[in-house]
Amino acid sequence: MKLLEERIRQEGLILSAAVLKVDSFLNHQVDTQLALEIGREFGRLFADQRITKVLTIEASGIQFAMAAGIALNVPFVYAKKKKAVTLTEQVYSASVHSFTRQETYQVSISQQYLGPDDKVLIVDDFLATGAALIGLVDIVNESGAELAGVGCVIEKSFQEGRGLLEQKGVRVHSLARIASMSPGEIHFVDDPSPAYLVKEML
């Protein structure tokens, strides 16, 4: 998705060879029109799959799951990182390690909102180590629902997440795939040469 790659070039801040900051337009302050365009692209990629639910994990995947749900005209569900007092029914749960926050937490989804009659598209903002997405895949499998695939906004292709998902037979579509990066420089998969970021690292 060239529009997304351009925004990453223009506004992304590369803090290290593994950490990309995109909170000015994707996961803190959100460009709503870009989010809707991302949802439409996921809708196009999975239009033939008869999706009934879009699934994500709080919090940074919510806007993209909602946009995909709008595009596909289906509900979206998000896994909660902390069990609310109002969540009294039975839940599906999985243990997930966050690379960004360096902590492990339990995510849960009410069994009321996911089941064997569903065909699920998982959407998230980043694919890196794949831990969060594998947790969601496990929940889908536990529920008996059918998994159509995973859609990621940004993939760090130099990390192991895609490989781990594909080993599980999961179809993966990422809208911007980063082959390598370092402060001031980023290279997308299939680009002939690195593109240099015009914004200085803060």
C-alpha atoms as a PDB file:
ATOM      1  CA  MET A   1       0.000   0.000   0.000  1.00  0.00           C
ATOM      2  CA  LYS A   2       2.007   2.927  -1.334  1.00  0.00           C
ATOM      3  CA  LEU A   3       0.009   5.585   0.529  1.00  0.00           C
ATOM      4  CA  LEU A   4       0.882   3.949   3.844  1.00  0.00           C
ATOM      5  CA  GLU A   5       4.556   3.515   2.902  1.00  0.00           C
ATOM      6  CA  GLU A   6       4.750   7.227   2.054  1.00  0.00           C
ATOM      7  CA  ARG A   7       3.310   8.232   5.421  1.00  0.00           C
ATOM      8  CA  ILE A   8       5.805   5.981   7.184  1.00  0.00           C
ATOM      9  CA  ARG A   9       8.629   7.640   5.217  1.00  0.00           C
ATOM     10  CA  GLN A  10       7.344  11.123   5.970  1.00  0.00           C
ATOM     11  CA  GLU A  11       6.290  10.805   9.608  1.00  0.00           C
ATOM     12  CA  GLY A  12       7.723   7.579  11.004  1.00  0.00           C
ATOM     13  CA  LEU A  13      10.490   7.819  13.583  1.00  0.00           C
ATOM     14  CA  ILE A  14      12.950   4.935  13.697  1.00  0.00           C
ATOM     15  CA  LEU A  15      14.253   4.687  17.240  1.00  0.00           C
ATOM     16  CA  SER A  16      16.395   1.603  16.597  1.00  0.00           C
ATOM     17  CA  ALA A  17      16.795  -1.256  14.145  1.00  0.00           C
ATOM     18  CA  ALA A  18      13.711  -2.870  15.728  1.00  0.00           C
ATOM     19  CA  VAL A  19      11.510   0.029  16.927  1.00  0.00           C
ATOM     20  CA  LEU A  20       9.389   2.205  14.609  1.00  0.00           C
ATOM     21  CA  LYS A  21       7.298   5.016  16.081  1.00  0.00           C
ATOM     22  CA  VAL A  22       4.174   5.914  14.080  1.00  0.00           C
ATOM     23  CA  ASP A  23       2.078   7.479  16.812  1.00  0.00           C
ATOM     24  CA  SER A  24       1.555  10.772  14.955  1.00  0.00           C
ATOM     25  CA  PHE A  25      -0.816   9.119  12.475  1.00  0.00           C
ATOM     26  CA  LEU A  26      -1.503   5.450  13.341  1.00  0.00           C
ATOM     27  CA  ASN A  27      -1.512   4.393  16.981  1.00  0.00           C
ATOM     28  CA  HIS A  28      -1.769   7.410  19.285  1.00  0.00           C
ATOM     29  CA  GLN A  29      -3.059  10.233  17.131  1.00  0.00           C
ATOM     30  CA  VAL A  30      -4.952   8.554  14.286  1.00  0.00           C
ATOM     31  CA  ASP A  31      -5.437   9.853  10.750  1.00  0.00           C
ATOM     32  CA  THR A  32      -9.044   8.731  10.416  1.00  0.00           C
ATOM     33  CA  GLN A  33      -9.130   8.897   6.621  1.00  0.00           C
ATOM     34  CA  LEU A  34      -5.996   6.765   6.395  1.00  0.00           C
ATOM     35  CA  ALA A  35      -7.504   4.298   8.883  1.00  0.00           C
ATOM     36  CA  LEU A  36     -10.632   4.004   6.745  1.00  0.00           C
ATOM     37  CA  GLU A  37      -8.501   3.499   3.631  1.00  0.00           C
ATOM     38  CA  ILE A  38      -6.612   0.724   5.438  1.00  0.00           C
ATOM     39  CA  GLY A  39      -9.946  -0.875   6.334  1.00  0.00           C
ATOM     40  CA  ARG A  40     -11.077  -0.708   2.718  1.00  0.00           C
ATOM     41  CA  GLU A  41      -7.867  -2.408   1.604  1.00  0.00           C
ATOM     42  CA  PHE A  42      -8.375  -5.250   4.081  1.00  0.00           C
ATOM     43  CA  GLY A  43     -11.964  -5.463   2.858  1.00  0.00           C
ATOM     44  CA  ARG A  44     -10.731  -5.774  -0.723  1.00  0.00           C
ATOM     45  CA  LEU A  45      -8.108  -8.404   0.128  1.00  0.00           C
ATOM     46  CA  PHE A  46     -10.582 -10.617   2.002  1.00  0.00           C
ATOM     47  CA  ALA A  47     -13.749  -9.798   0.047  1.00  0.00           C
ATOM     48  CA  ASP A  48     -14.126 -13.397  -1.175  1.00  0.00           C
ATOM     49  CA  GLN A  49     -13.931 -14.988   2.269  1.00  0.00           C
ATOM     50  CA  ARG A  50     -17.451 -14.358   3.627  1.00  0.00           C
ATOM     51  CA  ILE A  51     -16.092 -12.916   6.873  1.00  0.00           C
ATOM     52  CA  THR A  52     -18.573 -12.717   9.770  1.00  0.00           C
ATOM     53  CA  LYS A  53     -16.316 -11.138  12.423  1.00  0.00           C
ATOM     54  CA  VAL A  54     -13.168  -9.025  12.525  1.00  0.00           C
ATOM     55  CA  LEU A  55     -11.019  -9.701  15.587  1.00  0.00           C
ATOM     56  CA  THR A  56      -8.247  -7.634  17.163  1.00  0.00           C
ATOM     57  CA  ILE A  57      -6.578  -6.949  20.497  1.00  0.00           C
ATOM     58  CA  GLU A  58      -6.793  -3.730  22.482  1.00  0.00           C
ATOM     59  CA  ALA A  59      -5.790  -1.062  22.021  1.00  0.00           C
ATOM     60  CA  SER A  60      -3.850  -0.135  18.888  1.00  0.00           C
ATOM     61  CA  GLY A  61      -5.635  -2.540  16.554  1.00  0.00           C
ATOM     62  CA  ILE A  62      -9.125  -1.282  17.348  1.00  0.00           C
ATOM     63  CA  GLN A  63      -9.353   1.518  14.780  1.00  0.00           C
ATOM     64  CA  PHE A  64      -8.187  -0.754  11.940  1.00  0.00           C
ATOM     65  CA  ALA A  65     -10.469  -3.623  12.955  1.00  0.00           C
ATOM     66  CA  MET A  66     -13.394  -1.199  13.061  1.00  0.00           C
ATOM     67  CA  ALA A  67     -12.468   0.178   9.621  1.00  0.00           C
ATOM     68  CA  ALA A  68     -12.207  -3.361   8.221  1.00  0.00           C
ATOM     69  CA  GLY A  69     -15.533  -4.246   9.829  1.00  0.00           C
ATOM     70  CA  ILE A  70     -17.142  -1.229   8.173  1.00  0.00           C
ATOM     71  CA  ALA A  71     -15.659  -2.223   4.806  1.00  0.00           C
ATOM     72  CA  LEU A  72     -16.872  -5.818   5.187  1.00  0.00           C
ATOM     73  CA  ASN A  73     -20.170  -4.814   6.841  1.00  0.00           C
ATOM     74  CA  VAL A  74     -19.607  -7.093   9.848  1.00  0.00           C
ATOM     75  CA  PRO A  75     -19.028  -6.557  13.603  1.00  0.00           C
ATOM     76  CA  PHE A  76     -15.573  -6.375  15.101  1.00  0.00           C
ATOM     77  CA  VAL A  77     -14.563  -7.833  18.451  1.00  0.00           C
ATOM     78  CA  TYR A  78     -11.499  -6.952  20.494  1.00  0.00           C
ATOM     79  CA  ALA A  79      -9.712  -9.095  23.024  1.00  0.00           C
ATOM     80  CA  LYS A  80      -9.426  -7.398  26.399  1.00  0.00           C
ATOM     81  CA  LYS A  81      -6.123  -7.319  28.259  1.00  0.00           C
ATOM     82  CA  LYS A  82      -7.768  -7.071  31.662  1.00  0.00           C
ATOM     83  CA  LYS A  83     -10.968  -8.820  32.627  1.00  0.00           C
ATOM     84  CA  ALA A  84     -13.632  -6.228  33.447  1.00  0.00           C
ATOM     85  CA  VAL A  85     -16.020  -6.801  36.348  1.00  0.00           C
ATOM     86  CA  THR A  86     -18.839  -6.725  33.788  1.00  0.00           C
ATOM     87  CA  LEU A  87     -17.306  -9.681  31.908  1.00  0.00           C
ATOM     88  CA  THR A  88     -19.056 -12.360  33.938  1.00  0.00           C
ATOM     89  CA  GLU A  89     -19.693 -14.945  31.200  1.00  0.00           C
ATOM     90  CA  GLN A  90     -17.332 -17.677  29.985  1.00  0.00           C
ATOM     91  CA  VAL A  91     -14.326 -16.467  28.015  1.00  0.00           C
ATOM     92  CA  TYR A  92     -11.680 -17.708  25.622  1.00  0.00           C
ATOM     93  CA  SER A  93      -8.240 -16.613  26.758  1.00  0.00           C
ATOM     94  CA  ALA A  94      -4.583 -16.715  25.758  1.00  0.00           C
ATOM     95  CA  SER A  95      -1.287 -15.579  27.239  1.00  0.00           C
ATOM     96  CA  VAL A  96       0.490 -12.925  25.137  1.00  0.00           C
ATOM     97  CA  HIS A  97       3.940 -11.332  25.468  1.00  0.00           C
ATOM     98  CA  SER A  98       4.251  -7.694  24.372  1.00  0.00           C
ATOM     99  CA  PHE A  99       7.557  -6.869  22.668  1.00  0.00           C
ATOM    100  CA  THR A 100       6.873  -3.124  22.972  1.00  0.00           C
ATOM    101  CA  ARG A 101       5.948  -3.155  26.659  1.00  0.00           C
ATOM    102  CA  GLN A 102       8.117  -6.124  27.635  1.00  0.00           C
ATOM    103  CA  GLU A 103       5.376  -7.744  29.663  1.00  0.00           C
ATOM    104  CA  THR A 104       3.143 -10.794  29.466  1.00  0.00           C
ATOM    105  CA  TYR A 105      -0.600 -10.518  29.931  1.00  0.00           C
ATOM    106  CA  GLN A 106      -3.751 -12.575  29.562  1.00  0.00           C
ATOM    107  CA  VAL A 107      -6.218 -11.565  26.838  1.00  0.00           C
ATOM    108  CA  SER A 108      -9.829 -12.683  26.814  1.00  0.00           C
ATOM    109  CA  ILE A 109     -12.931 -12.655  24.630  1.00  0.00           C
ATOM    110  CA  SER A 110     -16.451 -13.521  25.722  1.00  0.00           C
ATOM    111  CA  GLN A 111     -17.625 -16.816  24.276  1.00  0.00           C
ATOM    112  CA  GLN A 112     -20.873 -14.998  23.515  1.00  0.00           C
ATOM    113  CA  TYR A 113     -19.223 -13.119  20.629  1.00  0.00           C
ATOM    114  CA  LEU A 114     -17.179 -15.833  18.903  1.00  0.00           C
ATOM    115  CA  GLY A 115     -18.143 -19.356  17.971  1.00  0.00           C
ATOM    116  CA  PRO A 116     -18.217 -22.205  15.441  1.00  0.00           C
ATOM    117  CA  ASP A 117     -20.531 -20.337  13.062  1.00  0.00           C
ATOM    118  CA  ASP A 118     -18.024 -17.504  12.577  1.00  0.00           C
ATOM    119  CA  LYS A 119     -15.433 -16.927   9.886  1.00  0.00           C
ATOM    120  CA  VAL A 120     -12.835 -14.568  11.303  1.00  0.00           C
ATOM    121  CA  LEU A 121     -10.383 -12.011   9.963  1.00  0.00           C
ATOM    122  CA  ILE A 122      -7.752 -10.986  12.523  1.00  0.00           C
ATOM    123  CA  VAL A 123      -6.464  -7.415  12.145  1.00  0.00           C
ATOM    124  CA  ASP A 124      -3.640  -5.679  14.021  1.00  0.00           C
ATOM    125  CA  ASP A 125      -1.400  -2.646  13.652  1.00  0.00           C
ATOM    126  CA  PHE A 126       1.995  -4.409  13.799  1.00  0.00           C
ATOM    127  CA  LEU A 127       3.389  -7.841  12.981  1.00  0.00           C
ATOM    128  CA  ALA A 128       6.823  -8.352  14.521  1.00  0.00           C
ATOM    129  CA  THR A 129       7.393 -11.350  16.794  1.00  0.00           C
ATOM    130  CA  GLY A 130       3.831 -12.499  16.157  1.00  0.00           C
ATOM    131  CA  ALA A 131       3.061 -13.194  19.836  1.00  0.00           C
ATOM    132  CA  ALA A 132      -0.191 -11.220  20.008  1.00  0.00           C
ATOM    133  CA  LEU A 133      -1.459 -12.580  16.709  1.00  0.00           C
ATOM    134  CA  ILE A 134      -0.618 -16.167  17.619  1.00  0.00           C
ATOM    135  CA  GLY A 135      -2.585 -15.652  20.841  1.00  0.00           C
ATOM    136  CA  LEU A 136      -5.582 -14.509  18.788  1.00  0.00           C
ATOM    137  CA  VAL A 137      -5.172 -17.456  16.385  1.00  0.00           C
ATOM    138  CA  ASP A 138      -5.235 -19.795  19.387  1.00  0.00           C
ATOM    139  CA  ILE A 139      -8.446 -18.153  20.626  1.00  0.00           C
ATOM    140  CA  VAL A 140     -10.092 -18.530  17.214  1.00  0.00           C
ATOM    141  CA  ASN A 141      -9.100 -22.203  17.149  1.00  0.00           C
ATOM    142  CA  GLU A 142     -10.405 -22.719  20.688  1.00  0.00           C
ATOM    143  CA  SER A 143     -13.746 -21.163  19.740  1.00  0.00           C
ATOM    144  CA  GLY A 144     -14.231 -23.512  16.792  1.00  0.00           C
ATOM    145  CA  ALA A 145     -14.510 -20.573  14.387  1.00  0.00           C
ATOM    146  CA  GLU A 146     -12.830 -20.652  10.972  1.00  0.00           C
ATOM    147  CA  LEU A 147      -9.850 -18.348  10.468  1.00  0.00           C
ATOM    148  CA  ALA A 148      -9.818 -16.614   7.082  1.00  0.00           C
ATOM    149  CA  GLY A 149      -6.460 -14.941   7.676  1.00  0.00           C
ATOM    150  CA  VAL A 150      -4.518 -12.145   9.334  1.00  0.00           C
ATOM    151  CA  GLY A 151      -4.275  -8.564   8.108  1.00  0.00           C
ATOM    152  CA  CYS A 152      -1.503  -6.355   9.483  1.00  0.00           C
ATOM    153  CA  VAL A 153      -0.965  -2.680   8.840  1.00  0.00           C
ATOM    154  CA  ILE A 154       2.838  -2.752   9.231  1.00  0.00           C
ATOM    155  CA  GLU A 155       5.043  -5.833   9.210  1.00  0.00           C
ATOM    156  CA  LYS A 156       8.664  -5.990  10.318  1.00  0.00           C
ATOM    157  CA  SER A 157       9.605  -8.720   7.878  1.00  0.00           C
ATOM    158  CA  PHE A 158      13.047  -9.117   9.442  1.00  0.00           C
ATOM    159  CA  GLN A 159      11.411 -10.542  12.592  1.00  0.00           C
ATOM    160  CA  GLU A 160       9.942 -13.998  12.996  1.00  0.00           C
ATOM    161  CA  GLY A 161       6.198 -13.284  13.217  1.00  0.00           C
ATOM    162  CA  ARG A 162       5.181 -14.035   9.631  1.00  0.00           C
ATOM    163  CA  GLY A 163       7.106 -17.305   9.605  1.00  0.00           C
ATOM    164  CA  LEU A 164       5.483 -18.479  12.839  1.00  0.00           C
ATOM    165  CA  LEU A 165       2.005 -17.690  11.523  1.00  0.00           C
ATOM    166  CA  GLU A 166       2.649 -19.353   8.170  1.00  0.00           C
ATOM    167  CA  GLN A 167       3.913 -22.473   9.980  1.00  0.00           C
ATOM    168  CA  LYS A 168       0.415 -22.646  11.485  1.00  0.00           C
ATOM    169  CA  GLY A 169      -1.079 -22.439   7.984  1.00  0.00           C
ATOM    170  CA  VAL A 170      -2.315 -18.867   8.453  1.00  0.00           C
ATOM    171  CA  ARG A 171      -2.783 -16.601   5.429  1.00  0.00           C
ATOM    172  CA  VAL A 172      -1.035 -13.269   6.128  1.00  0.00           C
ATOM    173  CA  HIS A 173      -1.511  -9.934   4.316  1.00  0.00           C
ATOM    174  CA  SER A 174       0.517  -6.911   5.445  1.00  0.00           C
ATOM    175  CA  LEU A 175       0.010  -3.492   3.869  1.00  0.00           C
ATOM    176  CA  ALA A 176       3.556  -2.216   4.453  1.00  0.00           C
ATOM    177  CA  ARG A 177       6.383  -4.747   4.806  1.00  0.00           C
ATOM    178  CA  ILE A 178       9.669  -3.433   6.192  1.00  0.00           C
ATOM    179  CA  ALA A 179      12.742  -5.381   5.080  1.00  0.00           C
ATOM    180  CA  SER A 180      15.188  -3.430   7.273  1.00  0.00           C
ATOM    181  CA  MET A 181      15.517  -0.114   9.057  1.00  0.00           C
ATOM    182  CA  SER A 182      17.910   1.991  11.085  1.00  0.00           C
ATOM    183  CA  PRO A 183      17.680   5.575  12.351  1.00  0.00           C
ATOM    184  CA  GLY A 184      17.135   7.785   9.305  1.00  0.00           C
ATOM    185  CA  GLU A 185      16.656   4.944   6.824  1.00  0.00           C
ATOM    186  CA  ILE A 186      13.977   2.418   5.914  1.00  0.00           C
ATOM    187  CA  HIS A 187      13.768  -0.286   3.251  1.00  0.00           C
ATOM    188  CA  PHE A 188      10.456  -1.865   2.272  1.00  0.00           C
ATOM    189  CA  VAL A 189      10.148  -5.366   0.838  1.00  0.00           C
ATOM    190  CA  ASP A 190      10.233  -5.200  -2.991  1.00  0.00           C
ATOM    191  CA  ASP A 191      11.722  -1.676  -2.986  1.00  0.00           C
ATOM    192  CA  PRO A 192      14.716  -1.410  -5.329  1.00  0.00           C
ATOM    193  CA  SER A 193      16.637   0.717  -2.818  1.00  0.00           C
ATOM    194  CA  PRO A 194      16.231   2.122   0.703  1.00  0.00           C
ATOM    195  CA  ALA A 195      14.071   5.209   1.156  1.00  0.00           C
ATOM    196  CA  TYR A 196      15.456   7.808   3.515  1.00  0.00           C
ATOM    197  CA  LEU A 197      13.213   9.382   6.090  1.00  0.00           C
ATOM    198  CA  VAL A 198      13.117  13.172   5.917  1.00  0.00           C
ATOM    199  CA  LYS A 199      12.212  13.550   9.605  1.00  0.00           C
ATOM    200  CA  GLU A 200      14.962  13.522  12.214  1.00  0.00           C
ATOM    201  CA  MET A 201      14.725  11.087  15.102  1.00  0.00           C
ATOM    202  CA  LEU A 202      13.607  12.898  18.263  1.00  0.00           C
END
